Amino acid sequence: MTVGRKQSKTASADATKRLARLDRIVPRLLRQWGVPGCAAAVTDRDQTIFARGYGLRTIGNTQPVTPETNFAICSCTKAFTAISAGIVADDGRLEWDKPIRDYYPSFRMNDTILTERLTMRDLLSHRSGVAGNDWLWYFSPVTREEMVRHLAHLTPNYELRTTYQYNNLFYMLAGYVAAQLAGKAWEEVVRERIFTPLGMSASQFATDNHPLTDNYAAGHTTARLIPVRLFKQSKRENSFAAAIGPIGPAGAVASNAADMCKWLRMHLNSGETANAGNGKTRVISGANLAEVHRPAMPMPGSWPPACFELPELQQAMGLVVAPYRGHRCLFHTGCFCGFKAMQMLLPDAGFGTVVLLNSDHSLLELVIPLMINDLVTGLEPVDWNRRWRKLARSWEKAPPLPADIPSKGTCPSHSLPEYTGSFENPAFGAITIAEDRGKLTLHMNGFTLNARHWHYDVFQTSTDKRGIHFGGFKVRFNTATSGQIDSLFIPFFLSDEIHFQRTQP
């Protein structure tokens, strides 16, 4: 159902009344899920109709979350990258379906078809055929330009445009190419062409040297969806900025609920601001905004069974498109290094929602926005909290997979010092294996993991930094015919192992 302008004032007033129920519901949800704080806001096409902060900016402090509290919005950044590419297309410098090679001649992949045919739409809709390879960029010290060159060594595991595979690295590439065409850094394009015209004065990037405001949330983490204990993210050991490294276009925007409503209104108003009294500013053409919103790749099996009301998910560019109980819905989540976020649009009904959390566990970034959808549309409410908590408990009680059960009675084939040394992969860079007081440690991209014996010549990595999730993958060492360790293999949660060749003992 499309809500017209004449209907929207009545619809918004009714929605505002229903949204007031969140004031008694959300604090209870934060306690149930162990989340310190949350900012939630809803806008119609003209103005913000609901904006609240709940809980605290950080544990152990009394500073409250407000609608003006800044959070890292993580992968909700991807829609900003898609819009920045659309702005460059409006400037006449980019076409969605032309090969990247046409605009960036030095672009290379380890596959001729990808090198010659990969397009901006392919990058922004996760249909490149290349797996995520996220461990390539976690805490990486290299520049964005150097990281783009590393992509030349990645090999696709599916044919181009046949399979949905989430890929942060290719969002970095998309932002990099769009910025090159604009003649500026990606951050400057977003600041000048999106933040400024929309009046998002508090919005910036998590990788900036200084915050624009003192009102910002700290990230929190835990090993469980329904936690027993929370750990505040350490600025030194696990800062968001250090972890996101060079791939800012995939997840580096920091914003607040008030600013994000201005961003959502632009989507609801065909690419224009909603300043009816002061004249409107066009950020992106209606035609290219429609391209950003247009489904480009099916996402089979990518949504848990707890939400059959959102069937047939399809990836657009920076947003997911799905029907929601009779309404067209566009959304994107974000989750990384202590934060979670959700931006959700019901464009035909004329409402947009943002929910920001200062924790990277729980499923509240799904519970609260779906609850809001029901409130703004007047639909019969679904008990989303009960449904998602049931799913969370099932995940935590799931039995281990066969690969997570070691063979008993085995031992390493070499003494521990013989496993040490430097190992390199042309895409992932260098890994150093060292021995520390009778145990192996793995050093990569500036962080250190323990590597304890699992079975045979396989070691399991973990971190001794409480509350930090990095690690968890296995390392398999290979013995050459000479009898010496000559290489190691790491799956990094991929279907294929990544090969690192020994470069020095």
Protein backbone atom coordinates (compact mmCIF):
# COMPACT_ATOMS: atom_id res chain seq x y z
CA MET A 1 0.00 0.00 0.00
CA THR A 2 1.39 3.40 -0.97
CA VAL A 3 0.78 6.19 1.50
CA GLY A 4 0.22 9.52 -0.27
CA ARG A 5 1.18 12.94 1.05
CA LYS A 6 -2.34 13.71 2.27
CA GLN A 7 -2.46 10.43 4.13
CA SER A 8 1.05 10.65 5.55
CA LYS A 9 0.30 13.19 8.33
CA THR A 10 -2.44 11.01 9.79
CA ALA A 11 -0.37 7.86 9.30
CA SER A 12 2.64 9.49 10.98
CA ALA A 13 0.61 10.75 13.92
CA ASP A 14 -0.86 7.29 14.48
CA ALA A 15 2.57 5.69 14.13
CA THR A 16 4.09 8.11 16.65
CA LYS A 17 1.49 7.16 19.25
CA ARG A 18 2.15 3.47 18.75
CA LEU A 19 5.94 3.95 18.84
CA ALA A 20 5.69 5.37 22.37
CA ARG A 21 5.28 1.76 23.52
CA LEU A 22 9.00 1.26 22.88
CA ASP A 23 9.82 3.35 25.95
CA ARG A 24 8.72 0.50 28.21
CA ILE A 25 9.76 -2.35 25.88
CA VAL A 26 13.33 -1.50 24.82
CA PRO A 27 14.85 -1.12 28.35
CA ARG A 28 13.56 -4.61 29.14
CA LEU A 29 15.05 -5.96 25.91
CA LEU A 30 18.45 -4.43 26.72
CA ARG A 31 18.44 -6.19 30.09
CA GLN A 32 17.38 -9.53 28.58
CA TRP A 33 20.08 -9.50 25.93
CA GLY A 34 22.79 -7.86 28.04
CA VAL A 35 23.22 -4.84 25.75
CA PRO A 36 24.49 -1.62 27.42
CA GLY A 37 22.79 0.93 25.16
CA CYS A 38 20.66 1.58 22.11
CA ALA A 39 19.56 4.53 19.98
CA ALA A 40 16.41 4.13 17.87
CA ALA A 41 14.69 6.59 15.54
CA VAL A 42 11.94 6.59 12.93
CA THR A 43 11.33 9.13 10.17
CA ASP A 44 8.60 9.69 7.64
CA ARG A 45 9.28 11.54 4.38
CA ASP A 46 9.22 14.95 6.07
CA GLN A 47 10.59 14.66 9.59
CA THR A 48 11.75 12.45 12.42
CA ILE A 49 8.67 11.20 14.24
CA PHE A 50 10.39 9.21 16.99
CA ALA A 51 13.93 9.38 18.44
CA ARG A 52 15.10 7.87 21.70
CA GLY A 53 18.24 6.78 23.50
CA TYR A 54 18.14 3.90 25.97
CA GLY A 55 20.77 2.61 28.37
CA LEU A 56 24.39 3.70 28.69
CA ARG A 57 27.17 4.68 26.31
CA THR A 58 29.55 2.35 28.12
CA ILE A 59 29.44 -0.09 31.01
CA GLY A 60 30.78 1.28 34.28
CA ASN A 61 29.68 4.82 33.42
CA THR A 62 26.47 6.77 33.91
CA GLN A 63 26.49 8.69 30.60
CA PRO A 64 23.18 7.91 28.81
CA VAL A 65 22.69 7.12 25.15
CA THR A 66 20.75 9.84 23.32
CA PRO A 67 19.60 10.18 19.69
CA GLU A 68 22.75 12.29 19.19
CA THR A 69 25.16 9.61 20.48
CA ASN A 70 27.56 8.51 17.75
CA PHE A 71 28.02 4.80 17.00
CA ALA A 72 30.01 2.94 14.38
CA ILE A 73 27.32 1.85 11.89
CA CYS A 74 29.58 -0.87 10.43
CA SER A 75 28.23 -2.39 7.20
CA CYS A 76 25.35 0.07 7.00
CA THR A 77 28.20 2.09 5.44
CA LYS A 78 27.81 0.02 2.29
CA ALA A 79 24.69 1.95 1.24
CA PHE A 80 26.74 5.17 1.50
CA THR A 81 29.31 3.65 -0.85
CA ALA A 82 26.59 2.65 -3.31
CA ILE A 83 25.11 6.16 -3.22
CA SER A 84 28.58 7.69 -3.70
CA ALA A 85 28.97 5.55 -6.84
CA GLY A 86 25.52 6.74 -7.99
CA ILE A 87 26.62 10.35 -7.51
CA VAL A 88 29.68 9.70 -9.68
CA ALA A 89 27.31 8.14 -12.24
CA ASP A 90 25.21 11.32 -12.11
CA ASP A 91 28.39 13.25 -12.90
CA GLY A 92 28.70 11.22 -16.11
CA ARG A 93 31.87 9.44 -15.03
CA LEU A 94 30.50 5.95 -14.37
CA GLU A 95 28.06 3.43 -15.81
CA TRP A 96 26.86 0.64 -13.55
CA ASP A 97 27.34 -2.18 -16.07
CA LYS A 98 30.59 -1.20 -17.76
CA PRO A 99 33.69 -3.19 -16.76
CA ILE A 100 35.83 -1.75 -13.98
CA ARG A 101 38.78 -2.08 -16.38
CA ASP A 102 37.25 0.70 -18.52
CA TYR A 103 37.68 3.11 -15.59
CA TYR A 104 40.67 1.62 -13.81
CA PRO A 105 42.93 0.10 -16.50
CA SER A 106 45.48 -1.33 -14.06
CA PHE A 107 42.80 -3.48 -12.36
CA ARG A 108 43.73 -7.18 -12.36
CA MET A 109 42.24 -10.34 -10.89
CA ASN A 110 43.59 -13.87 -10.88
CA ASP A 111 40.96 -14.73 -13.47
CA THR A 112 40.65 -13.39 -17.02
CA ILE A 113 36.86 -13.22 -17.04
CA LEU A 114 36.76 -11.22 -13.81
CA THR A 115 39.51 -8.91 -14.99
CA GLU A 116 37.67 -8.10 -18.20
CA ARG A 117 34.02 -8.21 -17.13
CA LEU A 118 33.61 -7.29 -13.44
CA THR A 119 31.37 -4.20 -13.10
CA MET A 120 30.41 -1.73 -10.39
CA ARG A 121 27.01 -3.43 -10.07
CA ASP A 122 28.77 -6.77 -9.56
CA LEU A 123 30.90 -5.32 -6.76
CA LEU A 124 27.99 -3.65 -4.99
CA SER A 125 25.63 -6.64 -5.21
CA HIS A 126 28.05 -9.33 -3.96
CA ARG A 127 27.90 -11.40 -7.16
CA SER A 128 31.57 -11.44 -8.16
CA GLY A 129 32.03 -15.17 -7.51
CA VAL A 130 34.88 -14.39 -5.08
CA ALA A 131 34.58 -15.39 -1.41
CA GLY A 132 34.84 -12.80 1.36
CA ASN A 133 38.47 -13.42 2.41
CA ASP A 134 37.97 -11.08 5.39
CA TRP A 135 41.17 -12.17 7.12
CA LEU A 136 43.05 -10.39 4.36
CA TRP A 137 42.07 -7.01 5.84
CA TYR A 138 41.51 -7.49 9.60
CA PHE A 139 43.94 -5.08 11.31
CA SER A 140 45.92 -4.82 8.06
CA PRO A 141 48.57 -2.07 8.09
CA VAL A 142 48.60 -1.60 4.29
CA THR A 143 47.02 1.32 2.44
CA ARG A 144 43.77 1.07 0.50
CA GLU A 145 45.66 1.29 -2.78
CA GLU A 146 47.98 -1.54 -1.73
CA MET A 147 44.98 -3.63 -0.65
CA VAL A 148 43.40 -3.13 -4.08
CA ARG A 149 46.56 -4.55 -5.63
CA HIS A 150 46.35 -7.57 -3.31
CA LEU A 151 43.01 -8.48 -4.91
CA ALA A 152 44.90 -9.57 -8.03
CA HIS A 153 45.87 -12.76 -6.20
CA LEU A 154 42.34 -13.86 -5.23
CA THR A 155 40.71 -16.68 -7.17
CA PRO A 156 36.94 -16.99 -7.67
CA ASN A 157 35.19 -20.07 -6.33
CA TYR A 158 32.01 -19.52 -8.41
CA GLU A 159 31.26 -18.16 -11.86
CA LEU A 160 30.63 -14.44 -12.15
CA ARG A 161 26.98 -13.43 -11.42
CA THR A 162 25.87 -16.90 -10.39
CA THR A 163 26.16 -16.86 -6.59
CA TYR A 164 25.68 -14.41 -3.72
CA GLN A 165 28.81 -14.14 -1.57
CA TYR A 166 29.21 -11.26 0.87
CA ASN A 167 32.47 -9.45 0.11
CA ASN A 168 33.80 -6.50 2.11
CA LEU A 169 36.94 -6.30 -0.01
CA PHE A 170 34.99 -5.60 -3.18
CA TYR A 171 33.10 -2.81 -1.44
CA MET A 172 36.49 -1.31 -0.69
CA LEU A 173 37.29 -1.66 -4.40
CA ALA A 174 33.97 -0.07 -5.40
CA GLY A 175 34.57 2.90 -3.11
CA TYR A 176 38.15 3.22 -4.30
CA VAL A 177 37.21 3.23 -7.99
CA ALA A 178 34.34 5.70 -7.48
CA ALA A 179 36.69 7.99 -5.57
CA GLN A 180 39.35 7.76 -8.27
CA LEU A 181 36.76 8.85 -10.84
CA ALA A 182 35.70 11.73 -8.57
CA GLY A 183 39.32 12.76 -8.10
CA LYS A 184 39.09 12.59 -4.30
CA ALA A 185 39.36 10.11 -1.46
CA TRP A 186 36.21 8.09 -0.78
CA GLU A 187 35.85 9.77 2.61
CA GLU A 188 35.86 13.21 0.98
CA VAL A 189 33.22 12.19 -1.58
CA VAL A 190 30.93 10.99 1.23
CA ARG A 191 31.56 14.08 3.35
CA GLU A 192 31.07 16.61 0.56
CA ARG A 193 28.34 14.94 -1.49
CA ILE A 194 26.30 13.16 1.22
CA PHE A 195 26.98 14.37 4.78
CA THR A 196 27.09 18.08 3.95
CA PRO A 197 23.97 18.44 1.76
CA LEU A 198 21.97 16.25 4.13
CA GLY A 199 23.09 18.23 7.17
CA MET A 200 24.66 15.18 8.82
CA SER A 201 26.94 17.44 10.85
CA ALA A 202 27.89 14.89 13.51
CA SER A 203 28.64 12.06 11.06
CA GLN A 204 32.21 11.10 10.30
CA PHE A 205 34.39 7.99 9.95
CA ALA A 206 35.57 5.64 12.65
CA THR A 207 39.04 5.92 11.13
CA ASP A 208 39.20 9.72 11.61
CA ASN A 209 41.87 10.95 13.99
CA HIS A 210 39.45 12.80 16.27
CA PRO A 211 35.71 12.48 17.07
CA LEU A 212 33.48 15.38 16.09
CA THR A 213 31.55 15.07 19.34
CA ASP A 214 32.18 13.95 22.90
CA ASN A 215 28.85 12.11 22.79
CA TYR A 216 29.92 8.74 21.43
CA ALA A 217 29.38 5.13 22.48
CA ALA A 218 32.05 2.56 23.28
CA GLY A 219 31.85 -0.86 21.67
CA HIS A 220 31.29 -3.97 23.79
CA THR A 221 31.68 -7.63 23.03
CA THR A 222 31.24 -11.11 24.43
CA ALA A 223 31.58 -14.66 23.18
CA ARG A 224 27.84 -15.37 23.52
CA LEU A 225 24.68 -14.02 21.94
CA ILE A 226 23.01 -13.99 25.34
CA PRO A 227 25.99 -13.03 27.50
CA VAL A 228 27.04 -13.81 31.01
CA ARG A 229 29.62 -11.04 31.03
CA LEU A 230 30.53 -8.11 28.76
CA PHE A 231 33.96 -6.73 27.94
CA LYS A 232 34.55 -3.19 26.81
CA GLN A 233 36.61 -3.04 23.62
CA SER A 234 40.17 -1.92 24.31
CA LYS A 235 41.24 1.11 22.32
CA ARG A 236 44.79 -0.18 22.19
CA GLU A 237 44.30 -3.86 21.50
CA ASN A 238 41.10 -3.98 19.47
CA SER A 239 39.99 -0.54 18.36
CA PHE A 240 37.38 -0.34 15.63
CA ALA A 241 39.62 1.98 13.61
CA ALA A 242 42.58 -0.40 13.69
CA ALA A 243 40.44 -3.41 12.84
CA ILE A 244 38.66 -1.81 9.86
CA GLY A 245 42.02 -0.84 8.39
CA PRO A 246 41.99 0.12 4.71
CA ILE A 247 38.48 -1.06 3.81
CA GLY A 248 36.57 2.01 4.97
CA PRO A 249 33.98 1.93 2.13
CA ALA A 250 32.74 -1.40 3.54
CA GLY A 251 32.13 -0.24 7.09
CA ALA A 252 33.79 2.92 8.46
CA VAL A 253 30.93 5.45 8.82
CA ALA A 254 30.18 6.66 12.34
CA SER A 255 26.84 8.40 12.86
CA ASN A 256 23.91 8.83 15.21
CA ALA A 257 20.18 8.21 15.07
CA ALA A 258 19.34 11.87 14.42
CA ASP A 259 21.71 12.16 11.45
CA MET A 260 20.71 8.76 10.07
CA CYS A 261 17.09 9.90 9.83
CA LYS A 262 18.23 12.64 7.43
CA TRP A 263 19.95 9.95 5.37
CA LEU A 264 16.86 7.74 5.35
CA ARG A 265 14.63 10.66 4.30
CA MET A 266 16.82 11.12 1.23
CA HIS A 267 15.98 7.53 0.23
CA LEU A 268 12.26 8.13 0.88
CA ASN A 269 12.30 11.33 -1.23
CA SER A 270 13.79 9.97 -4.46
CA GLY A 271 17.27 11.31 -3.73
CA GLU A 272 16.35 14.75 -2.42
CA THR A 273 16.51 16.31 1.03
CA ALA A 274 13.22 16.95 2.81
CA ASN A 275 13.77 20.69 3.47
CA ALA A 276 10.40 21.73 2.11
CA GLY A 277 10.57 25.24 3.64
CA ASN A 278 14.16 26.04 2.60
CA GLY A 279 14.16 24.44 -0.80
CA LYS A 280 15.27 20.91 -1.57
CA THR A 281 18.78 19.74 -2.40
CA ARG A 282 19.27 16.80 -4.73
CA VAL A 283 21.92 14.37 -3.54
CA ILE A 284 21.45 11.71 -6.23
CA SER A 285 19.15 11.52 -9.23
CA GLY A 286 15.93 9.58 -8.87
CA ALA A 287 17.06 7.33 -11.73
CA ASN A 288 20.31 6.31 -10.08
CA LEU A 289 18.69 5.96 -6.67
CA ALA A 290 16.26 3.54 -8.32
CA GLU A 291 19.29 1.63 -9.67
CA VAL A 292 20.75 1.42 -6.16
CA HIS A 293 17.41 0.07 -4.87
CA ARG A 294 16.91 -2.37 -7.76
CA PRO A 295 17.39 -6.08 -6.91
CA ALA A 296 20.43 -7.53 -8.65
CA MET A 297 21.20 -10.91 -7.01
CA PRO A 298 19.04 -13.52 -5.23
CA MET A 299 20.17 -14.45 -1.71
CA PRO A 300 18.89 -18.01 -1.17
CA GLY A 301 19.34 -19.44 2.30
CA SER A 302 20.80 -16.22 3.72
CA TRP A 303 18.08 -15.46 6.29
CA PRO A 304 17.35 -17.57 9.38
CA PRO A 305 14.03 -19.42 9.63
CA ALA A 306 12.93 -17.11 12.46
CA CYS A 307 11.79 -14.56 9.89
CA PHE A 308 9.62 -16.10 7.18
CA GLU A 309 7.84 -12.71 6.92
CA LEU A 310 10.89 -11.54 4.91
CA PRO A 311 11.01 -14.19 2.15
CA GLU A 312 12.91 -14.06 -1.13
CA LEU A 313 15.72 -11.77 -0.11
CA GLN A 314 17.53 -10.10 -2.98
CA GLN A 315 20.69 -8.03 -2.90
CA ALA A 316 20.46 -4.56 -4.42
CA MET A 317 23.45 -2.21 -4.14
CA GLY A 318 24.24 -1.59 -0.49
CA LEU A 319 20.75 -2.68 0.57
CA VAL A 320 18.75 -5.90 0.71
CA VAL A 321 15.26 -5.94 -0.82
CA ALA A 322 12.42 -8.15 0.39
CA PRO A 323 8.65 -8.08 0.85
CA TYR A 324 7.59 -7.60 4.45
CA ARG A 325 3.96 -8.51 5.22
CA GLY A 326 2.66 -6.73 2.13
CA HIS A 327 5.20 -3.88 2.15
CA ARG A 328 8.35 -3.42 0.08
CA CYS A 329 11.29 -3.37 2.49
CA LEU A 330 14.92 -2.33 2.01
CA PHE A 331 17.47 -2.80 4.77
CA HIS A 332 21.05 -3.47 5.74
CA THR A 333 22.59 -4.60 9.00
CA GLY A 334 26.01 -3.84 10.42
CA CYS A 335 28.10 -5.76 12.95
CA PHE A 336 31.77 -5.40 13.83
CA CYS A 337 34.16 -4.94 16.72
CA GLY A 338 31.74 -3.98 19.48
CA PHE A 339 28.84 -2.45 17.51
CA LYS A 340 25.66 -3.46 15.66
CA ALA A 341 23.30 -1.42 13.51
CA MET A 342 20.25 -1.65 11.27
CA GLN A 343 18.83 0.75 8.69
CA MET A 344 15.43 -0.23 7.34
CA LEU A 345 13.12 1.44 4.82
CA LEU A 346 9.48 0.89 3.94
CA PRO A 347 9.61 3.24 0.93
CA ASP A 348 6.03 2.85 -0.29
CA ALA A 349 4.63 3.29 3.22
CA GLY A 350 6.97 6.25 3.69
CA PHE A 351 8.86 5.24 6.85
CA GLY A 352 12.52 4.63 7.69
CA THR A 353 14.07 3.17 10.85
CA VAL A 354 17.54 3.17 12.35
CA VAL A 355 18.66 1.16 15.38
CA LEU A 356 22.20 1.48 16.78
CA LEU A 357 23.70 -0.77 19.49
CA ASN A 358 26.99 -0.54 21.38
CA SER A 359 27.54 -4.30 21.43
CA ASP A 360 28.28 -6.88 18.75
CA HIS A 361 26.30 -9.72 20.31
CA SER A 362 22.50 -10.15 20.67
CA LEU A 363 19.96 -10.05 17.86
CA LEU A 364 18.36 -6.77 18.90
CA GLU A 365 19.34 -5.13 15.61
CA LEU A 366 16.70 -7.45 14.12
CA VAL A 367 14.17 -7.56 16.96
CA ILE A 368 13.67 -3.80 17.41
CA PRO A 369 13.43 -2.72 13.72
CA LEU A 370 10.95 -5.48 12.89
CA MET A 371 8.93 -4.50 15.95
CA ILE A 372 8.99 -0.91 14.67
CA ASN A 373 7.82 -2.03 11.22
CA ASP A 374 4.73 -3.52 12.81
CA LEU A 375 4.09 -0.40 14.88
CA VAL A 376 4.40 2.15 12.05
CA THR A 377 2.24 0.13 9.66
CA GLY A 378 -0.39 -0.83 12.25
CA LEU A 379 0.07 -4.54 11.52
CA GLU A 380 -0.76 -7.22 14.07
CA PRO A 381 2.45 -7.40 16.12
CA VAL A 382 4.73 -10.41 15.95
CA ASP A 383 6.57 -11.46 19.12
CA TRP A 384 9.95 -10.93 17.49
CA ASN A 385 11.87 -11.08 20.74
CA ARG A 386 10.59 -14.52 21.68
CA ARG A 387 11.28 -15.83 18.18
CA TRP A 388 14.86 -14.53 17.94
CA ARG A 389 15.75 -15.56 21.50
CA LYS A 390 14.61 -19.08 20.74
CA LEU A 391 16.87 -19.09 17.68
CA ALA A 392 19.82 -17.68 19.68
CA ARG A 393 19.45 -20.43 22.28
CA SER A 394 19.37 -23.11 19.57
CA TRP A 395 22.60 -21.78 18.07
CA GLU A 396 24.35 -21.81 21.45
CA LYS A 397 23.20 -25.38 22.18
CA ALA A 398 24.11 -26.73 18.73
CA PRO A 399 26.42 -29.79 18.90
CA PRO A 400 29.94 -29.36 17.50
CA LEU A 401 30.58 -30.23 13.87
CA PRO A 402 32.85 -33.24 13.14
CA ALA A 403 35.64 -30.84 12.14
CA ASP A 404 35.47 -29.33 15.63
CA ILE A 405 36.23 -32.64 17.37
CA PRO A 406 39.96 -33.52 17.50
CA SER A 407 41.32 -37.02 17.05
CA LYS A 408 42.48 -38.36 20.40
CA GLY A 409 45.95 -39.63 21.21
CA THR A 410 47.86 -37.70 18.53
CA CYS A 411 50.90 -35.45 18.82
CA PRO A 412 52.85 -33.06 16.56
CA SER A 413 55.28 -34.74 14.17
CA HIS A 414 58.02 -32.18 14.93
CA SER A 415 59.33 -30.39 17.95
CA LEU A 416 57.68 -26.98 18.43
CA PRO A 417 60.73 -24.90 17.34
CA GLU A 418 60.60 -26.61 13.94
CA TYR A 419 57.16 -25.06 13.24
CA THR A 420 58.42 -21.51 13.78
CA GLY A 421 59.36 -19.07 11.04
CA SER A 422 57.86 -16.71 8.47
CA PHE A 423 55.24 -17.82 5.95
CA GLU A 424 53.78 -15.69 3.15
CA ASN A 425 50.84 -15.59 0.77
CA PRO A 426 50.77 -12.99 -2.07
CA ALA A 427 47.27 -11.81 -1.12
CA PHE A 428 47.20 -12.24 2.65
CA GLY A 429 50.77 -11.18 3.35
CA ALA A 430 53.05 -12.58 6.04
CA ILE A 431 52.41 -14.77 9.08
CA THR A 432 55.04 -15.40 11.71
CA ILE A 433 54.95 -18.50 13.91
CA ALA A 434 56.92 -18.19 17.14
CA GLU A 435 57.44 -20.28 20.25
CA ASP A 436 56.67 -18.72 23.61
CA ARG A 437 57.33 -20.74 26.76
CA GLY A 438 56.56 -24.08 25.17
CA LYS A 439 53.58 -22.84 23.14
CA LEU A 440 53.17 -21.62 19.56
CA THR A 441 51.91 -18.14 18.75
CA LEU A 442 50.73 -16.75 15.41
CA HIS A 443 51.44 -13.13 14.46
CA MET A 444 49.48 -11.53 11.62
CA ASN A 445 48.53 -7.93 10.77
CA GLY A 446 49.73 -6.64 14.11
CA PHE A 447 47.85 -9.01 16.42
CA THR A 448 48.91 -12.20 18.16
CA LEU A 449 47.00 -15.46 18.57
CA ASN A 450 47.77 -18.55 20.61
CA ALA A 451 48.08 -21.75 18.60
CA ARG A 452 47.49 -24.88 20.68
CA HIS A 453 47.86 -28.41 19.36
CA TRP A 454 44.59 -29.82 18.00
CA HIS A 455 45.66 -33.10 16.43
CA TYR A 456 48.48 -34.36 14.19
CA ASP A 457 50.03 -31.23 12.58
CA VAL A 458 46.94 -29.09 13.04
CA PHE A 459 46.82 -26.28 15.61
CA GLN A 460 43.79 -24.31 16.84
CA THR A 461 44.11 -20.54 17.21
CA SER A 462 42.57 -18.45 19.96
CA THR A 463 43.20 -15.14 21.67
CA ASP A 464 44.20 -14.54 25.26
CA LYS A 465 42.69 -11.04 25.12
CA ARG A 466 39.40 -11.31 26.93
CA GLY A 467 36.37 -10.41 24.89
CA ILE A 468 38.24 -10.30 21.56
CA HIS A 469 36.83 -12.70 18.98
CA PHE A 470 39.67 -12.79 16.47
CA GLY A 471 41.07 -16.25 15.97
CA GLY A 472 39.18 -19.52 16.03
CA PHE A 473 40.57 -20.88 12.79
CA LYS A 474 42.87 -23.90 12.45
CA VAL A 475 46.40 -23.95 11.04
CA ARG A 476 47.62 -27.06 9.20
CA PHE A 477 51.37 -27.44 8.75
CA ASN A 478 52.82 -29.33 5.78
CA THR A 479 56.01 -31.39 5.80
CA ALA A 480 58.24 -31.45 2.69
CA THR A 481 59.99 -34.59 1.45
CA SER A 482 63.10 -33.26 3.18
CA GLY A 483 61.28 -33.74 6.47
CA GLN A 484 61.10 -30.02 7.25
CA ILE A 485 57.98 -27.88 7.66
CA ASP A 486 57.77 -25.96 4.36
CA SER A 487 54.28 -24.41 4.37
CA LEU A 488 51.05 -23.97 6.27
CA PHE A 489 47.38 -23.87 5.28
CA ILE A 490 44.56 -21.86 6.88
CA PRO A 491 40.88 -22.08 5.83
CA PHE A 492 39.97 -18.71 7.48
CA PHE A 493 36.36 -20.00 7.61
CA LEU A 494 36.39 -20.39 3.80
CA SER A 495 35.68 -23.54 1.81
CA ASP A 496 39.28 -23.60 0.51
CA GLU A 497 42.49 -23.41 2.52
CA ILE A 498 44.84 -20.49 1.95
CA HIS A 499 48.43 -21.56 1.29
CA PHE A 500 51.34 -19.77 3.01
CA GLN A 501 54.83 -20.72 1.82
CA ARG A 502 57.70 -20.67 4.29
CA THR A 503 60.12 -17.87 3.47
CA GLN A 504 62.58 -18.20 6.36
CA PRO A 505 63.05 -20.41 9.43
